[in-house]
Amino acid sequence: MSAPPRRVTEVAVAEADALISLPTGVLDDILARVGLRDAVRTSALSRAWRRRWEALPSLDLDFPRPRGDKGASNGLRAVDSVLLRCPGRVRRFYAYLDRLYAGRIDDWLLVFSRRGVEVFNLISVDGFIVLPSAVFSCASLTTLRLYGCAVPLLPAGFGGFPELRNLAVINVRFQEHGQYQLEEIIATSPLLKELVLWDMEIAGDFAEWVIQAPNLRHLNIRSAEDLGWKIGELPCLHSAEIDIQDYLGDRDFAKFLTGFSSITKLVICTRHSPLNGANIVQTFPCTFGKLKSLKLYTQFCELPSILSTFCLLRNAPNLKRLKILIDDCADQKYEANGEFQSAQWTDGMCANLQFVQITGIHWLSNELSFIELILSNARLLRTLSVSHGEKCSMCYEDAVNKLLKYTRASSHAEVLYEGKAKKQ
């Protein structure tokens, strides 16, 4: 027989009162781990718990958007009340914001800056929300992620972000000459380790600016146009992801890439055709001597992407892992047969290559010629795995039979067919 409701309640209250006797540090740790919403709910446990959450030394204000909801986070209406009742440090603020709450972010940031906020992650779901300049006074920030915001000019006397480790600027709009304020933000963040620059807008005429950070480990750039970036001093850079759709317009893309010559991991898109035919990447003024892992978003249908792919492979003598992701463009506009591709091969090319993965292949002749070339020259190759895309020029049985008949320079090389590629 189950206990009566009154007895259950009495037991719960007794257990809660036993918990309240724990050391303060232990209680704070428990409430911090359950999250703010459940911490506030402990007010209903007993009289002793009624205001316990208000004594927390730090808060994490997390308001993710409910699945399927297109508006802002529902819990944002409680932020003002929470800040009034709990004077502790605001360690983290993460929210989806619409225009209904955009007017409150200015006041919230003033409070956050005084309370030593470390993580600020703001995602606009309602157009470009103007970010208040108070964000630049949050000197304790270690992580700053902005999505769908309009960034104001830097205030006079901006002292930088001395603790910032992670900066992500995604679909963000800058005012005229905004590239220079971004340059200053990066340069005055001496501990910055990870930088993400995606789909930014900068008003005004084109102007070059420099990305330099003494401790940067990872750089991720994605843009449909050239925004003037130049790679400065990045002595600790370990990995980079580059997807610039127009190959830097009329500028020297190969020269731009030399800024990444010391990295060990590179993800790059070479499927875009350059606007200026003379800007096809065929040579580099340097080699990627430390590069061990290369991931290419490319295709073998057009000459620029083919030449760019071979150029990267020629200049990565210590490459061990190669992953190629082919897009859905299955129209072979340029025939690069085995003879043509063999002419691109040089001594020492892919000498250390061990693992190759090709995803989304269409079984086009250019693609098969590339695979044959790799198999017949990569002496340390261990596995070459292939998966096909939506549109195929031949049935997979015939294609796999071709692969299995190719000569292999490595006696340990295995060819693995993995079926249809999963969508990336």
Protein backbone atom coordinates (compact mmCIF):
# COMPACT_ATOMS: atom_id res chain seq x y z
CA MET A 1 0.00 0.00 0.00
CA SER A 2 1.42 3.39 -0.96
CA ALA A 3 1.93 6.07 1.64
CA PRO A 4 -0.78 8.77 1.93
CA PRO A 5 -0.08 12.08 0.15
CA ARG A 6 0.45 13.93 3.44
CA ARG A 7 3.10 11.43 4.52
CA VAL A 8 4.90 11.71 1.15
CA THR A 9 4.95 15.48 1.52
CA GLU A 10 6.34 15.27 5.05
CA VAL A 11 9.13 12.94 3.87
CA ALA A 12 10.01 15.29 1.01
CA VAL A 13 10.16 18.26 3.39
CA ALA A 14 12.34 16.31 5.83
CA GLU A 15 14.74 15.34 3.04
CA ALA A 16 14.85 18.94 1.80
CA ASP A 17 15.63 20.19 5.32
CA ALA A 18 18.39 17.63 5.55
CA LEU A 19 19.87 18.94 2.30
CA ILE A 20 19.77 22.54 3.51
CA SER A 21 22.15 21.59 6.32
CA LEU A 22 24.89 20.75 3.82
CA PRO A 23 27.87 23.13 3.53
CA THR A 24 27.12 26.29 1.56
CA GLY A 25 29.58 25.43 -1.19
CA VAL A 26 27.97 22.02 -1.72
CA LEU A 27 24.48 23.53 -1.91
CA ASP A 28 25.62 26.15 -4.40
CA ASP A 29 27.19 23.45 -6.55
CA ILE A 30 23.97 21.38 -6.50
CA LEU A 31 21.78 24.33 -7.49
CA ALA A 32 24.21 25.40 -10.19
CA ARG A 33 24.18 21.92 -11.71
CA VAL A 34 20.37 21.60 -11.89
CA GLY A 35 20.03 24.86 -13.81
CA LEU A 36 18.34 28.14 -12.96
CA ARG A 37 14.77 27.00 -13.67
CA ASP A 38 14.97 24.01 -11.33
CA ALA A 39 16.94 26.01 -8.78
CA VAL A 40 14.05 28.48 -8.54
CA ARG A 41 11.61 25.58 -8.20
CA THR A 42 13.37 24.50 -4.99
CA SER A 43 11.56 27.43 -3.38
CA ALA A 44 8.56 25.12 -3.03
CA LEU A 45 10.43 22.48 -1.02
CA SER A 46 10.17 24.15 2.38
CA ARG A 47 10.42 27.50 4.13
CA ALA A 48 14.19 27.08 4.44
CA TRP A 49 14.50 26.72 0.67
CA ARG A 50 12.20 29.60 -0.23
CA ARG A 51 14.93 32.11 -1.02
CA ARG A 52 17.97 29.82 -1.09
CA TRP A 53 18.53 30.13 -4.85
CA GLU A 54 18.81 33.92 -4.50
CA ALA A 55 22.10 33.44 -2.60
CA LEU A 56 23.83 31.69 -5.50
CA PRO A 57 27.26 33.29 -6.10
CA SER A 58 26.84 32.99 -9.89
CA LEU A 59 24.09 32.50 -12.46
CA ASP A 60 23.87 30.81 -15.84
CA LEU A 61 21.04 32.40 -17.82
CA ASP A 62 20.35 29.87 -20.57
CA PHE A 63 17.26 30.38 -22.72
CA PRO A 64 17.40 28.05 -25.71
CA ARG A 65 14.54 28.27 -28.18
CA PRO A 66 11.96 25.47 -27.83
CA ARG A 67 12.04 23.01 -30.72
CA GLY A 68 9.74 24.13 -33.52
CA ASP A 69 9.28 27.61 -32.03
CA LYS A 70 10.22 30.52 -34.29
CA GLY A 71 10.19 33.21 -31.64
CA ALA A 72 12.43 34.14 -28.75
CA SER A 73 13.10 32.01 -25.69
CA ASN A 74 10.05 31.83 -23.43
CA GLY A 75 12.01 32.34 -20.24
CA LEU A 76 13.31 35.80 -21.18
CA ARG A 77 10.38 37.44 -19.42
CA ALA A 78 11.89 36.32 -16.11
CA VAL A 79 15.35 37.87 -16.61
CA ASP A 80 14.54 41.21 -14.92
CA SER A 81 13.02 39.48 -11.89
CA VAL A 82 15.95 37.08 -11.56
CA LEU A 83 18.53 39.88 -11.75
CA LEU A 84 16.67 41.87 -9.08
CA ARG A 85 16.38 38.96 -6.67
CA CYS A 86 19.79 37.38 -7.17
CA PRO A 87 22.76 39.79 -6.91
CA GLY A 88 25.34 37.13 -7.76
CA ARG A 89 27.70 37.15 -10.73
CA VAL A 90 26.15 36.40 -14.13
CA ARG A 91 28.59 33.87 -15.52
CA ARG A 92 26.74 33.05 -18.75
CA PHE A 93 23.96 34.47 -20.93
CA TYR A 94 22.67 32.44 -23.88
CA ALA A 95 19.42 33.35 -25.63
CA TYR A 96 17.42 33.55 -28.84
CA LEU A 97 16.14 37.12 -29.04
CA ASP A 98 13.40 38.84 -31.06
CA ARG A 99 12.40 42.50 -31.27
CA LEU A 100 10.03 42.15 -28.34
CA TYR A 101 13.02 41.74 -26.01
CA ALA A 102 15.60 43.67 -28.02
CA GLY A 103 14.88 46.81 -26.01
CA ARG A 104 15.88 45.05 -22.79
CA ILE A 105 19.29 43.83 -23.93
CA ASP A 106 20.88 47.25 -23.32
CA ASP A 107 19.94 47.25 -19.62
CA TRP A 108 20.83 43.59 -19.25
CA LEU A 109 24.29 44.12 -20.70
CA LEU A 110 24.98 46.97 -18.29
CA VAL A 111 24.19 44.57 -15.44
CA PHE A 112 26.20 41.76 -17.01
CA SER A 113 29.26 43.96 -17.44
CA ARG A 114 29.17 44.90 -13.75
CA ARG A 115 28.68 41.28 -12.71
CA GLY A 116 31.61 39.87 -14.66
CA VAL A 117 29.80 37.97 -17.42
CA GLU A 118 32.12 35.40 -19.06
CA VAL A 119 29.97 33.87 -21.83
CA PHE A 120 27.63 35.96 -24.01
CA ASN A 121 25.82 34.12 -26.79
CA LEU A 122 23.10 36.13 -28.58
CA ILE A 123 21.10 34.80 -31.53
CA SER A 124 18.59 37.08 -33.28
CA VAL A 125 15.51 35.42 -34.74
CA ASP A 126 13.94 38.67 -35.96
CA GLY A 127 16.20 40.52 -38.38
CA PHE A 128 19.29 42.47 -37.42
CA ILE A 129 19.00 43.49 -33.78
CA VAL A 130 21.20 46.46 -32.90
CA LEU A 131 23.72 45.39 -30.30
CA PRO A 132 24.26 48.03 -27.58
CA SER A 133 27.78 49.35 -27.12
CA ALA A 134 27.66 48.10 -23.52
CA VAL A 135 28.91 44.75 -24.85
CA PHE A 136 32.35 46.35 -25.29
CA SER A 137 32.54 47.05 -21.55
CA CYS A 138 32.28 43.34 -20.67
CA ALA A 139 35.99 42.93 -20.01
CA SER A 140 35.58 39.49 -18.36
CA LEU A 141 34.22 37.81 -21.48
CA THR A 142 35.86 34.51 -22.42
CA THR A 143 33.30 33.63 -25.13
CA LEU A 144 31.42 36.05 -27.40
CA ARG A 145 29.08 34.66 -30.06
CA LEU A 146 26.85 36.98 -32.09
CA TYR A 147 24.32 35.89 -34.72
CA GLY A 148 22.08 38.25 -36.68
CA CYS A 149 23.19 41.45 -34.96
CA ALA A 150 24.12 44.95 -36.12
CA VAL A 151 27.33 45.97 -34.38
CA PRO A 152 27.82 49.60 -33.29
CA LEU A 153 31.08 51.51 -33.53
CA LEU A 154 33.66 50.87 -30.86
CA PRO A 155 33.44 53.34 -27.98
CA ALA A 156 36.30 55.72 -27.34
CA GLY A 157 38.87 54.19 -25.03
CA PHE A 158 37.93 50.59 -25.85
CA GLY A 159 40.36 48.44 -23.89
CA GLY A 160 39.82 45.15 -25.70
CA PHE A 161 38.77 41.79 -24.32
CA PRO A 162 41.76 40.65 -22.23
CA GLU A 163 40.15 37.28 -21.31
CA LEU A 164 38.44 36.40 -24.60
CA ARG A 165 39.18 32.88 -25.92
CA ASN A 166 36.35 32.31 -28.41
CA LEU A 167 34.83 34.82 -30.83
CA ALA A 168 32.12 33.96 -33.37
CA VAL A 169 30.63 36.61 -35.66
CA ILE A 170 27.89 35.04 -37.81
CA ASN A 171 25.53 36.90 -40.15
CA VAL A 172 26.53 40.15 -38.47
CA ARG A 173 26.33 43.61 -39.99
CA PHE A 174 29.09 46.19 -39.42
CA GLN A 175 28.96 49.89 -40.15
CA GLU A 176 31.29 51.61 -42.61
CA HIS A 177 34.94 50.80 -41.89
CA GLY A 178 33.70 48.03 -39.60
CA GLN A 179 36.56 45.82 -40.75
CA TYR A 180 38.97 48.00 -38.80
CA GLN A 181 36.97 47.70 -35.59
CA LEU A 182 36.90 43.92 -36.04
CA GLU A 183 40.65 44.05 -36.64
CA GLU A 184 41.02 45.96 -33.36
CA ILE A 185 38.78 43.58 -31.42
CA ILE A 186 40.87 40.60 -32.57
CA ALA A 187 44.19 42.35 -31.97
CA THR A 188 43.19 43.42 -28.45
CA SER A 189 42.15 39.90 -27.44
CA PRO A 190 45.58 38.43 -26.63
CA LEU A 191 44.20 35.07 -25.39
CA LEU A 192 41.94 34.45 -28.39
CA LYS A 193 42.13 30.80 -29.50
CA GLU A 194 39.14 30.30 -31.81
CA LEU A 195 37.75 32.77 -34.36
CA VAL A 196 34.67 32.21 -36.56
CA LEU A 197 33.76 34.76 -39.25
CA TRP A 198 30.69 33.70 -41.26
CA ASP A 199 28.60 35.68 -43.75
CA MET A 200 29.41 39.13 -42.44
CA GLU A 201 28.32 42.40 -44.01
CA ILE A 202 30.58 45.46 -43.94
CA ALA A 203 29.26 48.77 -45.25
CA GLY A 204 31.36 51.03 -47.46
CA ASP A 205 34.07 50.48 -50.02
CA PHE A 206 36.45 47.54 -50.09
CA ALA A 207 39.48 47.85 -47.80
CA GLU A 208 42.09 45.34 -46.67
CA TRP A 209 42.50 44.56 -43.00
CA VAL A 210 44.64 42.13 -41.01
CA ILE A 211 43.75 39.14 -38.86
CA GLN A 212 46.48 38.65 -36.29
CA ALA A 213 46.34 37.05 -32.86
CA PRO A 214 49.34 35.58 -30.99
CA ASN A 215 47.46 32.59 -29.50
CA LEU A 216 44.87 31.80 -32.19
CA ARG A 217 44.54 28.04 -32.72
CA HIS A 218 41.58 27.77 -35.11
CA LEU A 219 40.23 30.13 -37.79
CA ASN A 220 36.97 29.60 -39.67
CA ILE A 221 36.05 31.94 -42.55
CA ARG A 222 32.94 31.59 -44.72
CA SER A 223 31.85 34.34 -47.06
CA ALA A 224 30.19 34.89 -50.43
CA GLU A 225 32.51 37.81 -51.17
CA ASP A 226 35.93 39.18 -50.44
CA LEU A 227 35.82 41.34 -47.31
CA GLY A 228 39.47 42.37 -47.46
CA TRP A 229 41.00 39.90 -45.02
CA LYS A 230 44.75 39.48 -44.86
CA ILE A 231 46.48 36.91 -42.68
CA GLY A 232 48.97 38.48 -40.30
CA GLU A 233 51.00 36.94 -37.49
CA LEU A 234 49.28 33.73 -36.32
CA PRO A 235 52.18 31.76 -34.80
CA CYS A 236 49.99 29.23 -32.93
CA LEU A 237 47.47 28.51 -35.69
CA HIS A 238 46.75 24.76 -35.79
CA SER A 239 43.72 24.46 -38.09
CA ALA A 240 41.65 26.53 -40.50
CA GLU A 241 38.41 26.26 -42.48
CA ILE A 242 38.15 28.49 -45.55
CA ASP A 243 35.14 28.93 -47.84
CA ILE A 244 35.34 32.17 -49.81
CA GLN A 245 33.04 31.93 -52.78
CA ASP A 246 34.70 34.28 -55.25
CA TYR A 247 38.31 33.31 -54.43
CA LEU A 248 39.11 36.83 -53.25
CA GLY A 249 38.00 38.44 -56.50
CA ASP A 250 40.99 39.92 -58.29
CA ARG A 251 43.42 39.38 -55.43
CA ASP A 252 46.02 36.62 -55.26
CA PHE A 253 44.27 33.71 -53.53
CA ALA A 254 47.47 31.63 -53.41
CA LYS A 255 49.22 34.46 -51.59
CA PHE A 256 46.33 34.63 -49.14
CA LEU A 257 46.67 30.91 -48.38
CA THR A 258 50.37 31.25 -47.56
CA GLY A 259 49.23 32.65 -44.23
CA PHE A 260 48.19 29.11 -43.35
CA SER A 261 51.45 27.42 -44.34
CA SER A 262 52.21 26.21 -40.79
CA ILE A 263 48.88 24.59 -39.95
CA THR A 264 48.37 20.83 -39.49
CA LYS A 265 44.67 20.65 -40.43
CA LEU A 266 42.94 22.46 -43.29
CA VAL A 267 39.34 22.44 -44.52
CA ILE A 268 38.90 24.39 -47.74
CA CYS A 269 36.38 24.83 -50.51
CA THR A 270 37.85 24.66 -54.03
CA ARG A 271 34.62 24.00 -55.90
CA HIS A 272 33.96 27.69 -56.61
CA SER A 273 35.08 28.95 -60.00
CA PRO A 274 37.13 32.15 -59.66
CA LEU A 275 35.59 35.28 -61.15
CA ASN A 276 38.94 36.12 -62.69
CA GLY A 277 40.27 33.27 -64.80
CA ALA A 278 43.84 34.34 -64.10
CA ASN A 279 43.26 33.64 -60.40
CA ILE A 280 43.18 29.86 -60.77
CA VAL A 281 45.39 28.38 -58.05
CA GLN A 282 48.18 26.48 -59.83
CA THR A 283 51.25 27.31 -57.74
CA PHE A 284 52.09 28.32 -54.19
CA PRO A 285 55.07 30.39 -53.05
CA CYS A 286 55.38 28.01 -50.08
CA THR A 287 54.63 24.46 -48.98
CA PHE A 288 52.31 23.24 -46.24
CA GLY A 289 55.03 21.20 -44.58
CA LYS A 290 53.14 20.50 -41.34
CA LEU A 291 49.77 19.74 -42.94
CA LYS A 292 48.59 16.25 -41.94
CA SER A 293 44.83 16.44 -42.60
CA LEU A 294 43.13 18.05 -45.62
CA LYS A 295 39.37 18.21 -46.22
CA LEU A 296 38.26 19.54 -49.62
CA TYR A 297 34.80 20.63 -50.71
CA THR A 298 35.33 20.32 -54.43
CA GLN A 299 34.29 18.70 -57.72
CA PHE A 300 36.06 17.32 -60.77
CA CYS A 301 33.78 18.86 -63.40
CA GLU A 302 35.59 22.15 -64.06
CA LEU A 303 39.23 22.99 -64.62
CA PRO A 304 39.72 25.53 -61.78
CA SER A 305 38.65 23.13 -59.04
CA ILE A 306 40.72 20.29 -60.56
CA LEU A 307 43.88 22.40 -60.78
CA SER A 308 43.36 23.81 -57.28
CA THR A 309 43.01 20.31 -55.85
CA PHE A 310 46.26 19.12 -57.45
CA CYS A 311 48.05 22.31 -56.40
CA LEU A 312 47.14 21.71 -52.75
CA LEU A 313 48.21 18.06 -52.90
CA ARG A 314 51.56 18.93 -54.54
CA ASN A 315 52.32 21.37 -51.75
CA ALA A 316 51.42 19.12 -48.81
CA PRO A 317 54.29 16.57 -48.75
CA ASN A 318 53.45 15.19 -45.30
CA LEU A 319 49.72 14.80 -45.78
CA LYS A 320 48.32 11.64 -44.15
CA ARG A 321 44.55 12.09 -44.37
CA LEU A 322 42.56 13.38 -47.33
CA LYS A 323 38.79 13.77 -47.35
CA ILE A 324 37.00 14.99 -50.47
CA LEU A 325 33.34 16.00 -50.41
CA ILE A 326 31.86 16.37 -53.89
CA ASP A 327 28.78 18.54 -54.43
CA ASP A 328 25.74 17.63 -56.52
CA CYS A 329 26.98 19.27 -59.73
CA ALA A 330 27.28 16.23 -62.01
CA ASP A 331 27.83 17.98 -65.36
CA GLN A 332 31.40 17.29 -66.46
CA LYS A 333 32.28 20.46 -68.34
CA TYR A 334 35.97 19.69 -68.74
CA GLU A 335 37.53 16.33 -69.53
CA ALA A 336 40.51 15.66 -67.32
CA ASN A 337 41.46 12.14 -68.34
CA GLY A 338 44.19 9.97 -66.88
CA GLU A 339 46.87 11.47 -69.12
CA PHE A 340 45.96 15.03 -68.10
CA GLN A 341 45.89 14.20 -64.40
CA SER A 342 49.13 12.21 -64.56
CA ALA A 343 50.77 15.35 -65.94
CA GLN A 344 49.77 17.15 -62.73
CA TRP A 345 51.51 14.55 -60.57
CA THR A 346 55.01 15.30 -59.28
CA ASP A 347 57.67 13.29 -57.45
CA GLY A 348 56.97 13.05 -53.74
CA MET A 349 53.30 13.92 -54.14
CA CYS A 350 51.11 12.07 -51.58
CA ALA A 351 54.22 10.25 -50.39
CA ASN A 352 52.83 9.97 -46.84
CA LEU A 353 49.15 9.66 -47.68
CA GLN A 354 47.49 6.82 -45.74
CA PHE A 355 43.74 7.47 -45.60
CA VAL A 356 41.50 8.80 -48.37
CA GLN A 357 37.74 9.28 -48.17
CA ILE A 358 35.70 10.49 -51.16
CA THR A 359 32.06 11.33 -50.46
CA GLY A 360 29.32 12.04 -53.00
CA ILE A 361 31.06 10.68 -56.11
CA HIS A 362 29.07 10.56 -59.38
CA TRP A 363 31.29 7.92 -61.03
CA LEU A 364 32.31 10.45 -63.68
CA SER A 365 35.42 9.67 -65.73
CA ASN A 366 37.38 12.55 -64.16
CA GLU A 367 36.61 11.26 -60.66
CA LEU A 368 37.58 7.70 -61.53
CA SER A 369 40.82 8.88 -63.15
CA PHE A 370 41.69 10.71 -59.92
CA ILE A 371 41.06 7.58 -57.83
CA GLU A 372 43.14 5.48 -60.19
CA LEU A 373 45.97 7.99 -59.95
CA ILE A 374 45.91 7.93 -56.13
CA LEU A 375 45.85 4.15 -55.96
CA SER A 376 48.69 3.75 -58.42
CA ASN A 377 51.01 6.29 -56.76
CA ALA A 378 50.32 6.49 -53.00
CA ARG A 379 52.77 3.87 -51.66
CA LEU A 380 51.72 4.13 -48.00
CA LEU A 381 47.98 4.14 -48.64
CA ARG A 382 45.98 1.98 -46.22
CA THR A 383 42.34 2.69 -47.07
CA LEU A 384 40.42 4.49 -49.81
CA SER A 385 36.71 4.66 -49.06
CA VAL A 386 34.08 5.87 -51.52
CA SER A 387 30.39 6.73 -51.29
CA HIS A 388 28.20 7.94 -54.15
CA GLY A 389 25.91 10.96 -54.45
CA GLU A 390 22.39 11.48 -55.77
CA LYS A 391 23.24 11.49 -59.49
CA CYS A 392 25.42 8.72 -60.89
CA SER A 393 26.70 8.25 -64.44
CA MET A 394 26.83 4.45 -64.09
CA CYS A 395 25.53 1.73 -61.80
CA TYR A 396 27.55 1.22 -58.67
CA GLU A 397 28.34 -2.43 -59.47
CA ASP A 398 30.19 -1.44 -62.66
CA ALA A 399 31.93 1.43 -60.88
CA VAL A 400 33.09 -0.73 -57.97
CA ASN A 401 34.38 -3.38 -60.37
CA LYS A 402 36.48 -0.66 -62.03
CA LEU A 403 37.90 0.42 -58.67
CA LEU A 404 38.85 -3.11 -57.74
CA LYS A 405 40.82 -3.57 -60.97
CA TYR A 406 43.00 -0.47 -60.54
CA THR A 407 46.69 -1.03 -59.83
CA ARG A 408 47.72 -0.29 -56.25
CA ALA A 409 51.14 1.05 -55.31
CA SER A 410 50.59 -0.03 -51.71
CA SER A 411 50.22 -3.72 -50.96
CA HIS A 412 48.21 -2.79 -47.85
CA ALA A 413 45.69 -0.55 -49.63
CA GLU A 414 42.03 -1.45 -49.20
CA VAL A 415 39.22 -0.02 -51.33
CA LEU A 416 35.98 0.31 -49.38
CA TYR A 417 32.58 1.06 -50.95
CA GLU A 418 30.22 2.66 -48.43
CA GLY A 419 27.04 3.03 -50.50
CA LYS A 420 25.12 6.27 -50.76
CA ALA A 421 26.62 9.28 -49.03
CA LYS A 422 24.77 10.81 -46.12
CA LYS A 423 23.81 14.46 -46.50
CA GLN A 424 26.37 16.76 -44.91
